[in-house]
Amino acid sequence: MAGGEGAARPELMVTPSQARAEARRRMGSSHRKWTLEGWSPPVWVLGLKPPTERQALGDQGTAQAWVRSWRAVELPEGVRVDWDERSWRSLGTQRVPMRVVVESPNALARWCGGQTAREMRVFADRVDQLRGMARPQATAAREESHAGLSAALRRHAQRLTDLPAPEFERLAQVLDWLGSHSVAGLRPRQLPIRGVDSKWFSAHRAVLSALHAALFPEAGEPGLGILDTHPTVRLRVLDPALRPAGLRDLDVPVDQAAALNWSPELVVIVENSETLLCLPQARGVVGIWGKGFNAQAATALPWLVEVPILYWGDLDSQGFAILHRYRAHLPQIRSILMDEPTLEQFRDLWVLEPTPFRGSLSTLTPAETRTLERLRAEGDVRLEQERVAWAYAVDELARHLPAFKDEPAGS
């Protein structure tokens, strides 16, 4: 700013437009907290950084224009500017704006306007409507329920705000109906609510379940008690003698897989579906696709608990983290093709791991730990399972699978 070393610098004086922009940012970051947790006046105060006497002398035109801009600004009810008189030796008594004070969220919304203000009003109205559904409770239970509801509303705030008005009203009506009707044990397709099909329920299930649990805790059914699709396990039976009804490839519910009357000699778990389909024929061996099949589900298969298991995952920190989780439930599991020789053999195919795992992996063997340390020392690299040449993998598999026989993938 003109005026030399002591000149007023406009960026130190907050203009009305700058103050309004800052008010919008504050409303955007705080309005949900005010709605859910309450507020006390004033909800927001912004210092306007008035100039010192020396700064005003350095550029009187700018300082005077700044004061005039605040005299001219029109503010809604609940928003004010506090002024102060300054006695300056060179300029006499001057009245300067010191701060903007906003008494309430609604006053802030009236001043700011725009999309954020509309979202604040919508969210506040919908929170009031949802809170009004809560059943009368004893004081202690009411406080606990209120805290749970606030947490659910906070977690789904954007979703509740963005729903078109007719869709929100429909959600509120369904939620109110669920407050007095149990749907435990039903599948989504069986819900006896007019106009609620399985697609609509699936799209709104998360918010419905969270709000239902908070509003009607006496129901006591997590997820409304709705039955989900059974978790499945993808199997490839490498031994023809073990194939149920001659079926080689199976994708069955875990509880049905648990009931299979067989005793494999070995199980191979892989993380890539193409790798599963390419596993060769081998006596007494069953392959499992690891995706979507976790270690806790694995313990539901009684024939898996005692059998030797080989695990072949991606050669990266996340692959070792998955191995660790399996081994915590199935301590007999051994890794294959997750070692330094394999890593070195395909060095040219390394890529960077986007989200390396940093936690502790206490179940790894010394050799596995060294490989993991090598991955990290090389800059968090990874060798994806599908990049390991199949001929190389076949040679390794032949060392572990009984009566190994490589065969075409479609055989």
Protein backbone atom coordinates (compact mmCIF):
# COMPACT_ATOMS: atom_id res chain seq x y z
CA MET A 1 0.00 0.00 0.00
CA ALA A 2 1.27 3.48 -0.80
CA GLY A 3 2.64 5.66 1.98
CA GLY A 4 6.03 4.18 2.83
CA GLU A 5 7.19 1.99 5.69
CA GLY A 6 4.49 3.13 8.11
CA ALA A 7 1.65 2.96 5.57
CA ALA A 8 -1.64 1.30 6.42
CA ARG A 9 -1.86 -2.16 4.92
CA PRO A 10 -5.40 -2.95 3.72
CA GLU A 11 -4.96 -6.66 4.28
CA LEU A 12 -4.79 -6.00 8.04
CA MET A 13 -8.25 -4.36 7.99
CA VAL A 14 -11.11 -6.81 7.50
CA THR A 15 -13.57 -5.50 4.93
CA PRO A 16 -17.32 -6.24 4.99
CA SER A 17 -16.99 -8.68 2.08
CA GLN A 18 -14.09 -10.46 3.78
CA ALA A 19 -16.03 -10.67 7.03
CA ARG A 20 -19.06 -12.13 5.25
CA ALA A 21 -16.89 -14.70 3.48
CA GLU A 22 -15.35 -15.68 6.81
CA ALA A 23 -18.84 -15.91 8.31
CA ARG A 24 -19.84 -18.37 5.58
CA ARG A 25 -16.81 -20.52 6.37
CA ARG A 26 -17.65 -20.48 10.07
CA MET A 27 -21.26 -21.37 9.43
CA GLY A 28 -20.23 -24.22 7.15
CA SER A 29 -17.87 -25.68 9.75
CA SER A 30 -20.03 -25.13 12.84
CA HIS A 31 -23.75 -25.14 12.04
CA ARG A 32 -24.16 -28.89 12.58
CA LYS A 33 -22.43 -28.69 15.94
CA TRP A 34 -24.69 -25.80 16.98
CA THR A 35 -27.77 -27.77 15.90
CA LEU A 36 -26.76 -30.99 17.66
CA GLU A 37 -25.02 -29.65 20.77
CA GLY A 38 -26.67 -26.29 21.29
CA TRP A 39 -25.14 -22.82 21.46
CA SER A 40 -25.05 -19.69 23.60
CA PRO A 41 -24.88 -16.09 22.37
CA PRO A 42 -22.90 -14.78 20.77
CA VAL A 43 -22.15 -17.71 18.47
CA TRP A 44 -19.39 -15.88 16.63
CA VAL A 45 -17.20 -12.80 17.03
CA LEU A 46 -14.77 -11.57 14.39
CA GLY A 47 -12.14 -8.93 15.09
CA LEU A 48 -11.87 -6.40 12.25
CA LYS A 49 -8.19 -5.49 12.78
CA PRO A 50 -8.56 -1.69 12.74
CA PRO A 51 -5.44 0.36 11.86
CA THR A 52 -3.15 1.91 14.40
CA GLU A 53 -2.64 5.68 14.38
CA ARG A 54 0.64 5.24 12.53
CA GLN A 55 -0.98 3.03 9.89
CA ALA A 56 -3.88 5.44 9.44
CA LEU A 57 -1.45 8.33 8.98
CA GLY A 58 0.45 6.34 6.38
CA ASP A 59 -2.59 6.05 4.13
CA GLN A 60 -5.49 8.09 5.41
CA GLY A 61 -7.55 7.55 2.24
CA THR A 62 -7.57 3.80 2.63
CA ALA A 63 -8.29 3.94 6.35
CA GLN A 64 -11.16 6.39 5.84
CA ALA A 65 -12.64 4.31 3.02
CA TRP A 66 -12.52 1.25 5.25
CA VAL A 67 -14.40 3.03 8.06
CA ARG A 68 -17.00 4.33 5.57
CA SER A 69 -17.53 0.79 4.22
CA TRP A 70 -18.48 -0.42 7.67
CA ARG A 71 -20.77 2.57 8.28
CA ALA A 72 -22.60 1.77 5.07
CA VAL A 73 -22.97 -1.99 5.56
CA GLU A 74 -26.50 -3.29 6.18
CA LEU A 75 -26.69 -6.04 8.77
CA PRO A 76 -29.69 -8.18 9.70
CA GLU A 77 -31.16 -8.39 13.18
CA GLY A 78 -28.83 -10.28 15.48
CA VAL A 79 -25.64 -9.10 13.78
CA ARG A 80 -23.91 -5.91 14.92
CA VAL A 81 -20.66 -4.05 14.63
CA ASP A 82 -19.04 -2.83 17.84
CA TRP A 83 -17.36 0.59 17.47
CA ASP A 84 -14.75 2.24 19.65
CA GLU A 85 -13.44 5.77 19.95
CA ARG A 86 -9.73 6.28 19.56
CA SER A 87 -8.03 9.52 20.69
CA TRP A 88 -5.10 10.00 18.35
CA ARG A 89 -2.70 12.93 18.77
CA SER A 90 -2.34 13.55 15.05
CA LEU A 91 -5.89 12.70 13.90
CA GLY A 92 -8.01 13.60 16.91
CA THR A 93 -10.87 11.45 18.09
CA GLN A 94 -11.81 8.77 15.61
CA ARG A 95 -14.64 6.23 15.82
CA VAL A 96 -13.53 2.90 14.31
CA PRO A 97 -15.21 -0.49 13.89
CA MET A 98 -13.68 -3.11 16.18
CA ARG A 99 -15.56 -6.39 15.71
CA VAL A 100 -18.59 -8.09 14.22
CA VAL A 101 -20.78 -9.89 16.77
CA VAL A 102 -23.32 -12.51 15.70
CA GLU A 103 -25.87 -13.50 18.32
CA SER A 104 -27.36 -16.70 16.85
CA PRO A 105 -26.99 -19.25 14.04
CA ASN A 106 -30.15 -17.91 12.40
CA ALA A 107 -28.72 -14.39 12.43
CA LEU A 108 -25.55 -15.72 10.83
CA ALA A 109 -27.62 -17.47 8.16
CA ARG A 110 -29.57 -14.27 7.45
CA TRP A 111 -26.33 -12.37 6.94
CA CYS A 112 -24.51 -15.02 4.90
CA GLY A 113 -27.30 -16.36 2.72
CA GLY A 114 -26.37 -18.79 -0.05
CA GLN A 115 -26.24 -22.57 -0.17
CA THR A 116 -24.64 -23.04 3.26
CA ALA A 117 -27.42 -21.08 4.94
CA ARG A 118 -30.05 -23.17 3.16
CA GLU A 119 -28.28 -26.37 4.25
CA MET A 120 -28.18 -25.14 7.84
CA ARG A 121 -31.93 -24.50 7.89
CA VAL A 122 -32.71 -27.83 6.24
CA PHE A 123 -30.51 -29.79 8.64
CA ALA A 124 -31.87 -28.00 11.72
CA ASP A 125 -35.50 -28.56 10.65
CA ARG A 126 -34.89 -32.24 9.96
CA VAL A 127 -33.08 -32.77 13.24
CA ASP A 128 -36.03 -31.25 15.07
CA GLN A 129 -38.43 -33.54 13.23
CA LEU A 130 -36.39 -36.65 13.95
CA ARG A 131 -35.87 -35.78 17.61
CA GLY A 132 -39.60 -35.37 17.93
CA MET A 133 -40.02 -39.10 17.21
CA ALA A 134 -38.23 -40.18 20.38
CA ARG A 135 -40.40 -42.01 22.92
CA PRO A 136 -40.77 -40.67 26.50
CA GLN A 137 -38.06 -42.18 28.73
CA ALA A 138 -36.63 -41.91 32.22
CA THR A 139 -34.06 -39.16 32.67
CA ALA A 140 -30.93 -41.35 32.52
CA ALA A 141 -32.20 -43.32 29.53
CA ARG A 142 -33.28 -40.11 27.82
CA GLU A 143 -29.81 -38.59 28.15
CA GLU A 144 -28.17 -41.73 26.80
CA SER A 145 -30.63 -41.88 23.91
CA HIS A 146 -30.07 -38.20 23.13
CA ALA A 147 -26.31 -38.75 22.96
CA GLY A 148 -26.76 -41.76 20.69
CA LEU A 149 -29.13 -39.87 18.42
CA SER A 150 -26.74 -36.92 18.16
CA ALA A 151 -23.95 -39.28 17.16
CA ALA A 152 -26.13 -40.90 14.48
CA LEU A 153 -27.26 -37.52 13.17
CA ARG A 154 -23.67 -36.29 13.04
CA ARG A 155 -22.53 -39.41 11.20
CA HIS A 156 -25.27 -39.13 8.57
CA ALA A 157 -25.58 -35.33 8.50
CA GLN A 158 -24.70 -34.83 4.86
CA ARG A 159 -26.97 -37.62 3.74
CA LEU A 160 -29.90 -36.22 5.71
CA THR A 161 -29.24 -32.72 4.37
CA ASP A 162 -28.95 -33.77 0.73
CA LEU A 163 -32.13 -35.86 0.55
CA PRO A 164 -34.84 -34.15 -1.52
CA ALA A 165 -37.78 -33.09 0.66
CA PRO A 166 -40.17 -35.83 -0.54
CA GLU A 167 -37.50 -38.48 -0.01
CA PHE A 168 -36.74 -37.26 3.49
CA GLU A 169 -40.44 -37.27 4.38
CA ARG A 170 -40.69 -40.83 3.14
CA LEU A 171 -37.65 -41.83 5.22
CA ALA A 172 -39.16 -40.18 8.30
CA GLN A 173 -42.47 -41.98 7.78
CA VAL A 174 -40.74 -45.34 7.39
CA LEU A 175 -38.64 -44.67 10.48
CA ASP A 176 -41.73 -43.79 12.49
CA TRP A 177 -43.44 -46.99 11.31
CA LEU A 178 -40.41 -49.05 12.27
CA GLY A 179 -40.59 -47.54 15.74
CA SER A 180 -43.75 -49.52 16.46
CA HIS A 181 -43.39 -52.54 14.15
CA SER A 182 -40.72 -55.24 14.29
CA VAL A 183 -39.22 -56.50 11.04
CA ALA A 184 -36.67 -58.77 12.71
CA GLY A 185 -36.15 -62.00 10.80
CA LEU A 186 -37.44 -60.61 7.50
CA ARG A 187 -35.47 -60.11 4.32
CA PRO A 188 -35.63 -56.70 2.59
CA ARG A 189 -37.99 -58.08 -0.06
CA GLN A 190 -40.46 -59.09 2.67
CA LEU A 191 -40.87 -55.70 4.37
CA PRO A 192 -44.61 -55.01 4.70
CA ILE A 193 -44.26 -51.26 4.13
CA ARG A 194 -46.19 -49.90 1.18
CA GLY A 195 -43.89 -48.27 -1.36
CA VAL A 196 -40.69 -49.59 0.23
CA ASP A 197 -38.99 -52.02 -2.11
CA SER A 198 -35.66 -53.75 -1.57
CA LYS A 199 -33.77 -51.21 -3.71
CA TRP A 200 -35.10 -48.25 -1.73
CA PHE A 201 -34.38 -50.00 1.55
CA SER A 202 -30.85 -50.86 0.47
CA ALA A 203 -30.15 -47.23 -0.47
CA HIS A 204 -31.39 -45.93 2.91
CA ARG A 205 -30.62 -48.85 5.18
CA ALA A 206 -27.56 -47.39 6.88
CA VAL A 207 -29.24 -44.18 7.99
CA LEU A 208 -32.49 -45.96 8.90
CA SER A 209 -30.66 -48.51 11.04
CA ALA A 210 -28.57 -45.88 12.84
CA LEU A 211 -31.53 -43.61 13.59
CA HIS A 212 -33.77 -46.52 14.59
CA ALA A 213 -31.19 -47.80 17.07
CA ALA A 214 -30.86 -44.32 18.60
CA LEU A 215 -34.55 -43.41 18.67
CA PHE A 216 -35.92 -46.79 19.70
CA PRO A 217 -33.18 -48.50 21.74
CA GLU A 218 -35.74 -50.79 23.35
CA ALA A 219 -36.08 -52.60 20.02
CA GLY A 220 -32.65 -54.11 20.68
CA GLU A 221 -32.13 -55.45 17.16
CA PRO A 222 -28.93 -54.30 15.42
CA GLY A 223 -29.53 -53.47 11.80
CA LEU A 224 -33.30 -53.71 12.43
CA GLY A 225 -32.88 -57.47 12.65
CA ILE A 226 -33.13 -57.70 8.85
CA LEU A 227 -31.68 -60.86 7.35
CA ASP A 228 -28.81 -60.27 4.96
CA THR A 229 -27.60 -62.28 2.05
CA HIS A 230 -25.57 -65.11 3.48
CA PRO A 231 -21.80 -64.58 3.24
CA THR A 232 -20.38 -66.93 0.66
CA VAL A 233 -17.08 -68.63 0.03
CA ARG A 234 -15.65 -69.30 -3.42
CA LEU A 235 -14.05 -72.74 -3.69
CA ARG A 236 -12.17 -74.59 -6.42
CA VAL A 237 -11.91 -78.31 -5.70
CA LEU A 238 -8.56 -79.45 -7.11
CA ASP A 239 -9.12 -83.15 -6.37
CA PRO A 240 -11.82 -84.78 -8.57
CA ALA A 241 -12.48 -87.29 -5.79
CA LEU A 242 -13.60 -84.48 -3.46
CA ARG A 243 -15.91 -82.70 -5.89
CA PRO A 244 -19.51 -82.78 -4.61
CA ALA A 245 -21.71 -84.10 -7.40
CA GLY A 246 -18.71 -83.61 -9.67
CA LEU A 247 -18.73 -79.81 -9.19
CA ARG A 248 -15.27 -78.25 -9.37
CA ASP A 249 -16.11 -74.54 -8.84
CA LEU A 250 -18.44 -73.58 -5.99
CA ASP A 251 -19.67 -70.28 -4.61
CA VAL A 252 -21.77 -71.25 -1.59
CA PRO A 253 -22.95 -69.76 1.71
CA VAL A 254 -20.44 -70.27 4.49
CA ASP A 255 -22.88 -72.31 6.55
CA GLN A 256 -23.36 -74.71 3.63
CA ALA A 257 -19.62 -74.90 3.02
CA ALA A 258 -19.23 -75.78 6.70
CA ALA A 259 -21.54 -78.75 6.23
CA LEU A 260 -19.47 -80.31 3.43
CA ASN A 261 -18.57 -83.84 4.42
CA TRP A 262 -14.95 -84.00 3.35
CA SER A 263 -11.45 -83.97 4.80
CA PRO A 264 -9.01 -82.15 2.51
CA GLU A 265 -5.32 -82.88 2.93
CA LEU A 266 -4.39 -79.28 2.14
CA VAL A 267 -6.11 -75.92 1.53
CA VAL A 268 -4.67 -73.11 -0.60
CA ILE A 269 -5.98 -69.56 -0.09
CA VAL A 270 -5.24 -67.01 -2.81
CA GLU A 271 -6.26 -63.36 -3.16
CA ASN A 272 -6.70 -63.23 -6.94
CA SER A 273 -9.70 -64.89 -8.60
CA GLU A 274 -7.78 -65.68 -11.80
CA THR A 275 -5.11 -67.37 -9.73
CA LEU A 276 -7.80 -69.49 -8.08
CA LEU A 277 -9.12 -70.60 -11.47
CA CYS A 278 -5.62 -71.54 -12.63
CA LEU A 279 -4.74 -73.70 -9.62
CA PRO A 280 -3.74 -77.12 -10.91
CA GLN A 281 -5.25 -80.48 -10.13
CA ALA A 282 -3.84 -81.94 -6.93
CA ARG A 283 -4.82 -84.82 -4.68
CA GLY A 284 -6.76 -83.86 -1.55
CA VAL A 285 -6.48 -80.11 -2.17
CA VAL A 286 -9.16 -77.39 -2.06
CA GLY A 287 -8.55 -73.79 -3.18
CA ILE A 288 -10.29 -70.77 -1.61
CA TRP A 289 -10.57 -67.25 -2.97
CA GLY A 290 -9.58 -64.92 -0.14
CA LYS A 291 -11.52 -61.87 -1.31
CA GLY A 292 -14.61 -61.47 0.80
CA PHE A 293 -13.59 -64.43 2.96
CA ASN A 294 -12.04 -63.36 6.23
CA ALA A 295 -10.25 -65.24 8.95
CA GLN A 296 -13.22 -65.17 11.30
CA ALA A 297 -15.41 -66.75 8.64
CA ALA A 298 -12.69 -69.33 8.10
CA THR A 299 -13.09 -70.57 11.65
CA ALA A 300 -16.74 -71.38 10.83
CA LEU A 301 -15.51 -74.18 8.55
CA PRO A 302 -14.77 -77.12 10.84
CA TRP A 303 -12.83 -78.96 8.13
CA LEU A 304 -10.46 -75.96 7.83
CA VAL A 305 -9.36 -75.61 11.44
CA GLU A 306 -6.90 -78.52 11.55
CA VAL A 307 -5.92 -78.93 7.91
CA PRO A 308 -2.56 -77.57 6.63
CA ILE A 309 -3.10 -74.25 4.82
CA LEU A 310 -1.01 -72.37 2.29
CA TYR A 311 -1.59 -68.65 1.78
CA TRP A 312 -0.50 -66.81 -1.35
CA GLY A 313 -1.30 -63.10 -1.32
CA ASP A 314 0.10 -59.94 -2.82
CA LEU A 315 3.70 -59.37 -1.88
CA ASP A 316 3.19 -56.11 -0.01
CA SER A 317 2.52 -54.89 3.52
CA GLN A 318 -1.23 -55.34 3.17
CA GLY A 319 -0.70 -58.92 2.00
CA PHE A 320 1.30 -59.65 5.14
CA ALA A 321 -1.37 -57.92 7.25
CA ILE A 322 -3.99 -60.27 5.77
CA LEU A 323 -1.71 -63.25 6.46
CA HIS A 324 -1.36 -62.05 10.06
CA ARG A 325 -5.13 -61.89 10.50
CA TYR A 326 -5.55 -65.41 9.12
CA ARG A 327 -2.77 -66.77 11.30
CA ALA A 328 -4.33 -65.27 14.44
CA HIS A 329 -7.22 -67.71 13.89
CA LEU A 330 -5.46 -70.43 11.95
CA PRO A 331 -1.93 -70.71 13.37
CA GLN A 332 -0.98 -73.56 11.02
CA ILE A 333 -1.09 -71.35 7.92
CA ARG A 334 2.11 -70.98 5.86
CA SER A 335 2.88 -68.44 3.16
CA ILE A 336 4.16 -69.26 -0.31
CA LEU A 337 5.56 -66.98 -3.01
CA MET A 338 5.76 -64.16 -0.44
CA ASP A 339 9.53 -64.18 0.08
CA GLU A 340 12.60 -62.21 -0.92
CA PRO A 341 13.65 -64.53 -3.79
CA THR A 342 10.23 -64.03 -5.43
CA LEU A 343 10.40 -60.31 -4.79
CA GLU A 344 13.86 -60.07 -6.34
CA GLN A 345 12.97 -62.27 -9.31
CA PHE A 346 10.36 -59.76 -10.48
CA ARG A 347 11.99 -56.52 -9.42
CA ASP A 348 11.11 -54.86 -12.72
CA LEU A 349 7.40 -55.38 -11.98
CA TRP A 350 7.35 -53.63 -8.62
CA VAL A 351 4.95 -50.74 -8.09
CA LEU A 352 4.43 -48.42 -5.14
CA GLU A 353 1.92 -49.56 -2.55
CA PRO A 354 -0.73 -46.79 -2.27
CA THR A 355 -1.63 -47.34 1.41
CA PRO A 356 1.10 -49.28 3.24
CA PHE A 357 0.19 -51.02 6.49
CA ARG A 358 2.15 -49.62 9.46
CA GLY A 359 0.86 -51.67 12.36
CA SER A 360 2.48 -54.53 14.25
CA LEU A 361 2.33 -58.03 12.73
CA SER A 362 3.37 -60.29 15.58
CA THR A 363 2.49 -63.62 13.94
CA LEU A 364 4.92 -63.31 11.01
CA THR A 365 7.84 -65.71 10.83
CA PRO A 366 11.39 -64.30 10.82
CA ALA A 367 11.62 -64.84 7.04
CA GLU A 368 8.29 -63.08 6.47
CA THR A 369 9.35 -60.23 8.73
CA ARG A 370 12.56 -59.79 6.74
CA THR A 371 10.60 -59.67 3.51
CA LEU A 372 8.24 -57.06 4.93
CA GLU A 373 11.20 -54.97 6.10
CA ARG A 374 12.70 -55.25 2.63
CA LEU A 375 9.47 -53.98 1.06
CA ARG A 376 9.54 -50.97 3.34
CA ALA A 377 13.27 -50.35 2.86
CA GLU A 378 12.74 -50.27 -0.91
CA GLY A 379 10.21 -47.46 -0.51
CA ASP A 380 6.96 -49.32 0.24
CA VAL A 381 6.93 -51.33 -2.95
CA ARG A 382 4.60 -54.17 -3.86
CA LEU A 383 4.57 -57.13 -6.20
CA GLU A 384 0.99 -58.00 -7.05
CA GLN A 385 0.12 -61.68 -7.18
CA GLU A 386 -0.94 -61.62 -10.82
CA ARG A 387 2.47 -60.24 -11.86
CA VAL A 388 4.30 -63.36 -10.77
CA ALA A 389 4.92 -65.40 -13.92
CA TRP A 390 2.73 -68.49 -13.92
CA ALA A 391 5.59 -70.82 -14.84
CA TYR A 392 7.51 -69.55 -11.79
CA ALA A 393 4.45 -70.02 -9.60
CA VAL A 394 3.84 -73.54 -10.92
CA ASP A 395 7.36 -74.58 -9.95
CA GLU A 396 6.76 -73.34 -6.41
CA LEU A 397 3.31 -74.92 -6.17
CA ALA A 398 4.75 -78.26 -7.29
CA ARG A 399 6.93 -78.26 -4.16
CA HIS A 400 3.90 -78.05 -1.85
CA LEU A 401 0.87 -79.66 -3.47
CA PRO A 402 0.53 -83.46 -3.14
CA ALA A 403 0.39 -85.42 -6.40
CA PHE A 404 0.73 -82.14 -8.24
CA LYS A 405 -0.40 -82.04 -11.86
CA ASP A 406 -0.40 -78.86 -13.87
CA GLU A 407 -3.32 -78.67 -16.26
CA PRO A 408 -5.02 -76.19 -18.60
CA ALA A 409 -7.11 -73.62 -16.76
CA GLY A 410 -10.36 -74.87 -18.25
CA SER A 411 -9.83 -78.54 -17.56
